[in-house]
C-alpha atoms as a PDB file:
ATOM      1  CA  MET A   1      14.883  35.458   9.702  1.00  0.00           C
ATOM      2  CA  ALA A   2      14.616  31.836  11.424  1.00  0.00           C
ATOM      3  CA  ASN A   3      17.804  31.006   9.227  1.00  0.00           C
ATOM      4  CA  ILE A   4      19.560  33.877   9.487  1.00  0.00           C
ATOM      5  CA  LYS A   5      22.840  33.997  11.735  1.00  0.00           C
ATOM      6  CA  LYS A   6      24.475  36.822  13.471  1.00  0.00           C
ATOM      7  CA  ILE A   7      27.476  37.651  11.506  1.00  0.00           C
ATOM      8  CA  SER A   8      31.044  37.477  13.254  1.00  0.00           C
ATOM      9  CA  ASN A   9      33.840  39.973  12.692  1.00  0.00           C
ATOM     10  CA  ILE A  10      32.312  42.510  10.774  1.00  0.00           C
ATOM     11  CA  SER A  11      30.374  45.618  11.651  1.00  0.00           C
ATOM     12  CA  GLY A  12      27.851  47.224  10.231  1.00  0.00           C
ATOM     13  CA  VAL A  13      27.738  50.990   8.958  1.00  0.00           C
ATOM     14  CA  VAL A  14      25.174  53.209   7.706  1.00  0.00           C
ATOM     15  CA  LEU A  15      25.783  56.336   5.962  1.00  0.00           C
ATOM     16  CA  ALA A  16      23.440  58.631   7.262  1.00  0.00           C
ATOM     17  CA  GLY A  17      24.836  62.204   6.630  1.00  0.00           C
ATOM     18  CA  GLY A  18      23.721  63.493   2.947  1.00  0.00           C
ATOM     19  CA  LYS A  19      21.745  66.243   2.600  1.00  0.00           C
ATOM     20  CA  SER A  20      18.628  64.873   0.534  1.00  0.00           C
ATOM     21  CA  ARG A  21      18.716  67.661  -2.139  1.00  0.00           C
ATOM     22  CA  ARG A  22      16.911  65.544  -4.946  1.00  0.00           C
ATOM     23  CA  MET A  23      14.457  64.322  -2.388  1.00  0.00           C
ATOM     24  CA  GLY A  24      13.667  67.926  -0.968  1.00  0.00           C
ATOM     25  CA  LYS A  25      13.021  66.430   2.675  1.00  0.00           C
ATOM     26  CA  ASP A  26      15.378  64.710   5.180  1.00  0.00           C
ATOM     27  CA  LYS A  27      15.227  60.967   3.473  1.00  0.00           C
ATOM     28  CA  ARG A  28      16.250  59.642   6.946  1.00  0.00           C
ATOM     29  CA  ASN A  29      12.649  60.614   8.245  1.00  0.00           C
ATOM     30  CA  LEU A  30      10.623  59.109   5.382  1.00  0.00           C
ATOM     31  CA  GLU A  31       8.260  56.403   6.333  1.00  0.00           C
ATOM     32  CA  TRP A  32       8.171  53.107   5.540  1.00  0.00           C
ATOM     33  CA  GLY A  33       5.588  50.321   7.175  1.00  0.00           C
ATOM     34  CA  GLY A  34       5.167  53.168  10.022  1.00  0.00           C
ATOM     35  CA  VAL A  35       9.115  53.311  10.699  1.00  0.00           C
ATOM     36  CA  LYS A  36      11.412  55.756   9.871  1.00  0.00           C
ATOM     37  CA  PHE A  37      13.692  55.037   6.942  1.00  0.00           C
ATOM     38  CA  LEU A  38      17.192  55.305   9.205  1.00  0.00           C
ATOM     39  CA  ASP A  39      15.362  53.074  12.048  1.00  0.00           C
ATOM     40  CA  LYS A  40      14.185  50.375   9.388  1.00  0.00           C
ATOM     41  CA  VAL A  41      18.019  50.118   8.229  1.00  0.00           C
ATOM     42  CA  CYS A  42      19.535  50.309  11.505  1.00  0.00           C
ATOM     43  CA  LEU A  43      16.983  47.819  13.301  1.00  0.00           C
ATOM     44  CA  THR A  44      17.640  45.263  10.049  1.00  0.00           C
ATOM     45  CA  LEU A  45      21.194  45.364  10.315  1.00  0.00           C
ATOM     46  CA  GLY A  46      20.771  45.069  14.393  1.00  0.00           C
ATOM     47  CA  GLU A  47      19.513  41.321  13.446  1.00  0.00           C
ATOM     48  CA  LEU A  48      22.899  40.330  11.758  1.00  0.00           C
ATOM     49  CA  PHE A  49      25.620  42.420  13.418  1.00  0.00           C
ATOM     50  CA  ASP A  50      26.626  42.660  17.283  1.00  0.00           C
ATOM     51  CA  GLU A  51      28.314  46.319  16.145  1.00  0.00           C
ATOM     52  CA  ILE A  52      26.232  48.837  14.222  1.00  0.00           C
ATOM     53  CA  ILE A  53      27.971  52.264  13.553  1.00  0.00           C
ATOM     54  CA  VAL A  54      25.790  55.523  12.229  1.00  0.00           C
ATOM     55  CA  VAL A  55      27.683  58.202  10.229  1.00  0.00           C
ATOM     56  CA  THR A  56      26.583  61.775   9.967  1.00  0.00           C
ATOM     57  CA  ALA A  57      27.586  64.872   9.200  1.00  0.00           C
ATOM     58  CA  ILE A  58      26.733  66.578  12.351  1.00  0.00           C
ATOM     59  CA  GLU A  59      25.010  65.439  15.750  1.00  0.00           C
ATOM     60  CA  ASP A  60      21.523  65.932  13.819  1.00  0.00           C
ATOM     61  CA  TYR A  61      19.290  62.486  14.339  1.00  0.00           C
ATOM     62  CA  PRO A  62      18.778  60.947  17.942  1.00  0.00           C
ATOM     63  CA  CYS A  63      19.670  57.490  18.226  1.00  0.00           C
ATOM     64  CA  GLY A  64      19.082  56.517  21.764  1.00  0.00           C
ATOM     65  CA  HIS A  65      16.351  54.365  20.772  1.00  0.00           C
ATOM     66  CA  LEU A  66      18.342  52.430  18.107  1.00  0.00           C
ATOM     67  CA  PRO A  67      20.899  49.231  18.889  1.00  0.00           C
ATOM     68  CA  VAL A  68      23.907  51.589  17.222  1.00  0.00           C
ATOM     69  CA  ARG A  69      26.367  53.807  18.056  1.00  0.00           C
ATOM     70  CA  SER A  70      26.413  57.423  16.269  1.00  0.00           C
ATOM     71  CA  VAL A  71      29.398  59.329  15.106  1.00  0.00           C
ATOM     72  CA  THR A  72      30.009  61.895  12.890  1.00  0.00           C
ATOM     73  CA  ASP A  73      32.351  62.366   9.760  1.00  0.00           C
ATOM     74  CA  ALA A  74      35.828  62.207  10.652  1.00  0.00           C
ATOM     75  CA  ILE A  75      36.964  64.646   7.462  1.00  0.00           C
ATOM     76  CA  PRO A  76      34.039  67.200   7.160  1.00  0.00           C
ATOM     77  CA  HIS A  77      32.542  67.357   3.473  1.00  0.00           C
ATOM     78  CA  THR A  78      33.648  64.234   1.776  1.00  0.00           C
ATOM     79  CA  GLY A  79      30.668  62.664   0.806  1.00  0.00           C
ATOM     80  CA  SER A  80      29.642  59.156   1.095  1.00  0.00           C
ATOM     81  CA  LEU A  81      33.435  58.084   0.835  1.00  0.00           C
ATOM     82  CA  GLY A  82      34.265  60.269   4.157  1.00  0.00           C
ATOM     83  CA  GLY A  83      31.363  58.530   5.838  1.00  0.00           C
ATOM     84  CA  MET A  84      32.770  55.189   5.070  1.00  0.00           C
ATOM     85  CA  PHE A  85      36.195  55.997   5.980  1.00  0.00           C
ATOM     86  CA  THR A  86      34.830  57.532   9.276  1.00  0.00           C
ATOM     87  CA  GLY A  87      32.848  54.061   9.623  1.00  0.00           C
ATOM     88  CA  ILE A  88      35.707  51.942   9.218  1.00  0.00           C
ATOM     89  CA  LYS A  89      38.401  53.789  11.556  1.00  0.00           C
ATOM     90  CA  GLU A  90      35.496  53.590  13.946  1.00  0.00           C
ATOM     91  CA  ALA A  91      34.549  50.122  13.613  1.00  0.00           C
ATOM     92  CA  SER A  92      36.136  47.124  16.275  1.00  0.00           C
ATOM     93  CA  HIS A  93      36.002  44.435  13.625  1.00  0.00           C
ATOM     94  CA  PRO A  94      38.394  43.521  10.873  1.00  0.00           C
ATOM     95  CA  SER A  95      35.560  44.231   8.053  1.00  0.00           C
ATOM     96  CA  VAL A  96      32.813  46.341   7.728  1.00  0.00           C
ATOM     97  CA  PHE A  97      29.459  46.109   5.662  1.00  0.00           C
ATOM     98  CA  VAL A  98      28.437  49.468   4.345  1.00  0.00           C
ATOM     99  CA  VAL A  99      24.880  50.389   3.471  1.00  0.00           C
ATOM    100  CA  ALA A 100      22.903  53.876   2.678  1.00  0.00           C
ATOM    101  CA  CYS A 101      20.117  55.117   5.332  1.00  0.00           C
ATOM    102  CA  ASP A 102      17.597  55.246   2.405  1.00  0.00           C
ATOM    103  CA  MET A 103      17.502  51.651   1.380  1.00  0.00           C
ATOM    104  CA  PRO A 104      13.875  50.179   2.627  1.00  0.00           C
ATOM    105  CA  PHE A 105      14.370  46.908   0.959  1.00  0.00           C
ATOM    106  CA  LEU A 106      17.578  45.548   2.259  1.00  0.00           C
ATOM    107  CA  ASN A 107      17.827  41.786   2.722  1.00  0.00           C
ATOM    108  CA  PRO A 108      19.131  39.972   5.561  1.00  0.00           C
ATOM    109  CA  SER A 109      19.535  36.736   3.430  1.00  0.00           C
ATOM    110  CA  VAL A 110      21.295  39.117   0.843  1.00  0.00           C
ATOM    111  CA  ILE A 111      23.935  40.371   3.469  1.00  0.00           C
ATOM    112  CA  SER A 112      24.562  37.247   4.569  1.00  0.00           C
ATOM    113  CA  ARG A 113      25.488  35.883   1.434  1.00  0.00           C
ATOM    114  CA  LEU A 114      27.584  38.651   0.651  1.00  0.00           C
ATOM    115  CA  CYS A 115      29.399  38.556   3.991  1.00  0.00           C
ATOM    116  CA  ALA A 116      29.853  34.928   3.946  1.00  0.00           C
ATOM    117  CA  LEU A 117      32.188  35.329   0.616  1.00  0.00           C
ATOM    118  CA  PRO A 118      35.893  34.814   0.923  1.00  0.00           C
ATOM    119  CA  ASP A 119      37.719  37.805   2.697  1.00  0.00           C
ATOM    120  CA  ASN A 120      38.990  40.342   0.505  1.00  0.00           C
ATOM    121  CA  ASP A 121      39.422  44.204   1.258  1.00  0.00           C
ATOM    122  CA  VAL A 122      36.488  44.646  -1.373  1.00  0.00           C
ATOM    123  CA  VAL A 123      33.532  42.615  -2.071  1.00  0.00           C
ATOM    124  CA  MET A 124      30.727  44.406  -4.162  1.00  0.00           C
ATOM    125  CA  ALA A 125      27.897  43.496  -5.930  1.00  0.00           C
ATOM    126  CA  ASN A 126      27.943  44.601  -9.896  1.00  0.00           C
ATOM    127  CA  LEU A 127      24.161  44.937 -11.523  1.00  0.00           C
ATOM    128  CA  SER A 128      22.939  46.093 -14.652  1.00  0.00           C
ATOM    129  CA  THR A 129      23.045  49.640 -13.194  1.00  0.00           C
ATOM    130  CA  GLY A 130      26.512  49.838 -12.120  1.00  0.00           C
ATOM    131  CA  TYR A 131      28.870  48.502  -9.071  1.00  0.00           C
ATOM    132  CA  GLN A 132      26.986  48.731  -5.320  1.00  0.00           C
ATOM    133  CA  PRO A 133      29.710  50.902  -3.452  1.00  0.00           C
ATOM    134  CA  LEU A 134      26.519  51.473  -0.829  1.00  0.00           C
ATOM    135  CA  HIS A 135      25.831  47.698  -0.029  1.00  0.00           C
ATOM    136  CA  ALA A 136      29.222  46.472   0.259  1.00  0.00           C
ATOM    137  CA  ARG A 137      31.826  44.883   2.552  1.00  0.00           C
ATOM    138  CA  TYR A 138      35.302  46.434   2.913  1.00  0.00           C
ATOM    139  CA  SER A 139      38.089  45.319   5.109  1.00  0.00           C
ATOM    140  CA  LYS A 140      40.078  48.163   7.673  1.00  0.00           C
ATOM    141  CA  ARG A 141      42.931  48.219   4.835  1.00  0.00           C
ATOM    142  CA  CYS A 142      40.574  50.316   2.867  1.00  0.00           C
ATOM    143  CA  SER A 143      40.657  53.065   5.187  1.00  0.00           C
ATOM    144  CA  LEU A 144      44.380  53.622   4.352  1.00  0.00           C
ATOM    145  CA  ILE A 145      43.542  53.843   0.333  1.00  0.00           C
ATOM    146  CA  MET A 146      40.201  56.210   1.158  1.00  0.00           C
ATOM    147  CA  GLU A 147      42.228  58.683   3.367  1.00  0.00           C
ATOM    148  CA  LYS A 148      44.791  59.155   0.356  1.00  0.00           C
ATOM    149  CA  MET A 149      42.126  59.690  -1.686  1.00  0.00           C
ATOM    150  CA  ILE A 150      40.532  61.908   0.412  1.00  0.00           C
ATOM    151  CA  GLN A 151      43.991  63.920   0.827  1.00  0.00           C
ATOM    152  CA  ASP A 152      44.147  63.797  -3.270  1.00  0.00           C
ATOM    153  CA  GLY A 153      40.455  64.993  -3.908  1.00  0.00           C
ATOM    154  CA  ASN A 154      39.247  61.993  -5.574  1.00  0.00           C
ATOM    155  CA  LEU A 155      35.824  61.219  -3.930  1.00  0.00           C
ATOM    156  CA  ARG A 156      34.661  58.702  -6.247  1.00  0.00           C
ATOM    157  CA  ILE A 157      34.187  55.144  -4.139  1.00  0.00           C
ATOM    158  CA  HIS A 158      34.399  53.199  -7.375  1.00  0.00           C
ATOM    159  CA  SER A 159      38.239  54.265  -7.634  1.00  0.00           C
ATOM    160  CA  LEU A 160      38.683  51.698  -4.735  1.00  0.00           C
ATOM    161  CA  VAL A 161      37.813  48.628  -7.178  1.00  0.00           C
ATOM    162  CA  GLN A 162      40.520  49.779  -9.560  1.00  0.00           C
ATOM    163  CA  ASP A 163      43.074  50.300  -6.778  1.00  0.00           C
ATOM    164  CA  SER A 164      45.699  47.260  -7.475  1.00  0.00           C
ATOM    165  CA  SER A 165      47.225  47.199  -3.629  1.00  0.00           C
ATOM    166  CA  LEU A 166      43.756  45.986  -2.578  1.00  0.00           C
ATOM    167  CA  SER A 167      42.039  42.495  -3.310  1.00  0.00           C
ATOM    168  CA  VAL A 168      38.478  43.084  -4.613  1.00  0.00           C
ATOM    169  CA  GLN A 169      35.840  40.514  -5.549  1.00  0.00           C
ATOM    170  CA  ILE A 170      32.845  41.738  -7.937  1.00  0.00           C
ATOM    171  CA  VAL A 171      29.664  39.752  -7.793  1.00  0.00           C
ATOM    172  CA  GLU A 172      27.168  39.269 -10.179  1.00  0.00           C
ATOM    173  CA  LYS A 173      23.384  39.687  -9.693  1.00  0.00           C
ATOM    174  CA  SER A 174      22.957  35.978 -10.266  1.00  0.00           C
ATOM    175  CA  LEU A 175      24.362  35.172  -6.842  1.00  0.00           C
ATOM    176  CA  PHE A 176      21.018  36.777  -5.203  1.00  0.00           C
ATOM    177  CA  ASP A 177      18.476  35.495  -7.764  1.00  0.00           C
ATOM    178  CA  ASP A 178      16.835  33.097  -5.611  1.00  0.00           C
ATOM    179  CA  ILE A 179      16.594  35.050  -2.713  1.00  0.00           C
ATOM    180  CA  ASP A 180      16.278  38.601  -4.286  1.00  0.00           C
ATOM    181  CA  PRO A 181      14.918  38.317  -8.125  1.00  0.00           C
ATOM    182  CA  HIS A 182      14.362  41.934  -8.604  1.00  0.00           C
ATOM    183  CA  GLY A 183      17.321  42.938  -7.143  1.00  0.00           C
ATOM    184  CA  TYR A 184      15.411  45.400  -4.779  1.00  0.00           C
ATOM    185  CA  SER A 185      17.638  44.830  -1.672  1.00  0.00           C
ATOM    186  CA  PHE A 186      20.176  47.242  -3.443  1.00  0.00           C
ATOM    187  CA  LEU A 187      17.483  49.911  -4.556  1.00  0.00           C
ATOM    188  CA  ASN A 188      18.209  53.617  -2.948  1.00  0.00           C
ATOM    189  CA  ILE A 189      15.679  56.329  -2.905  1.00  0.00           C
ATOM    190  CA  ASN A 190      17.057  59.429  -4.075  1.00  0.00           C
ATOM    191  CA  THR A 191      14.030  60.905  -5.411  1.00  0.00           C
ATOM    192  CA  PRO A 192      10.207  61.459  -4.633  1.00  0.00           C
ATOM    193  CA  PHE A 193       9.677  59.373  -8.055  1.00  0.00           C
ATOM    194  CA  ASP A 194      12.229  56.930  -6.376  1.00  0.00           C
ATOM    195  CA  TYR A 195       9.837  56.737  -3.143  1.00  0.00           C
ATOM    196  CA  GLU A 196       6.884  56.222  -4.946  1.00  0.00           C
ATOM    197  CA  PHE A 197       8.251  53.687  -7.128  1.00  0.00           C
ATOM    198  CA  ALA A 198       9.449  51.724  -3.838  1.00  0.00           C
ATOM    199  CA  ARG A 199       6.254  52.056  -2.355  1.00  0.00           C
ATOM    200  CA  LYS A 200       4.482  50.614  -5.454  1.00  0.00           C
ATOM    201  CA  ALA A 201       7.024  47.658  -5.720  1.00  0.00           C
ATOM    202  CA  ALA A 202       6.352  46.731  -1.974  1.00  0.00           C
ATOM    203  CA  SER A 203       2.838  46.648  -2.273  1.00  0.00           C
ATOM    204  CA  HIS A 204       3.238  44.239  -5.284  1.00  0.00           C
ATOM    205  CA  LEU A 205       5.311  42.053  -3.055  1.00  0.00           C
ATOM    206  CA  LYS A 206       2.994  41.302  -0.491  1.00  0.00           C
END
């Protein structure tokens, strides 16, 4: 972290309100290096941002030991898009960097590089697996579009990329090849199989 500087004018937002149905247990409490998933994500973002907002569906995770502010969904039952909308509305900075709580390989260098790109309403990576909306940067302007999408019943985050009223920058994986050659920083854990894969991958990186 010696060469990683604090990122100004951007708030960190952690989405932590999923139901973890495919995992079969609360992903936030999964262990990673002796630390709970959600705690690890928050502590990583704490090295980069002066404001971190954790968005949950209900107040069901104690965050007093973390450098964060915890809020609940402004519009219940609207999935990740609703969580992003809440985080953006609550943020004091003009942009936010959004991550999910189940990303154990978050890489501060990757986040810093993405956040250093020119200002756009959406800055998002496109990997072989597709767009990465839960490891991306959004401006406050996006909240207006998100609110309209929610009102229309469209909870697909990818629709933001197609919105002509927003300035969108899509970056390719090659931008991060020198600091994250495997793309692990974008990996999220949805199933027990994903968790086991991540643990094996981590052991190979040591």
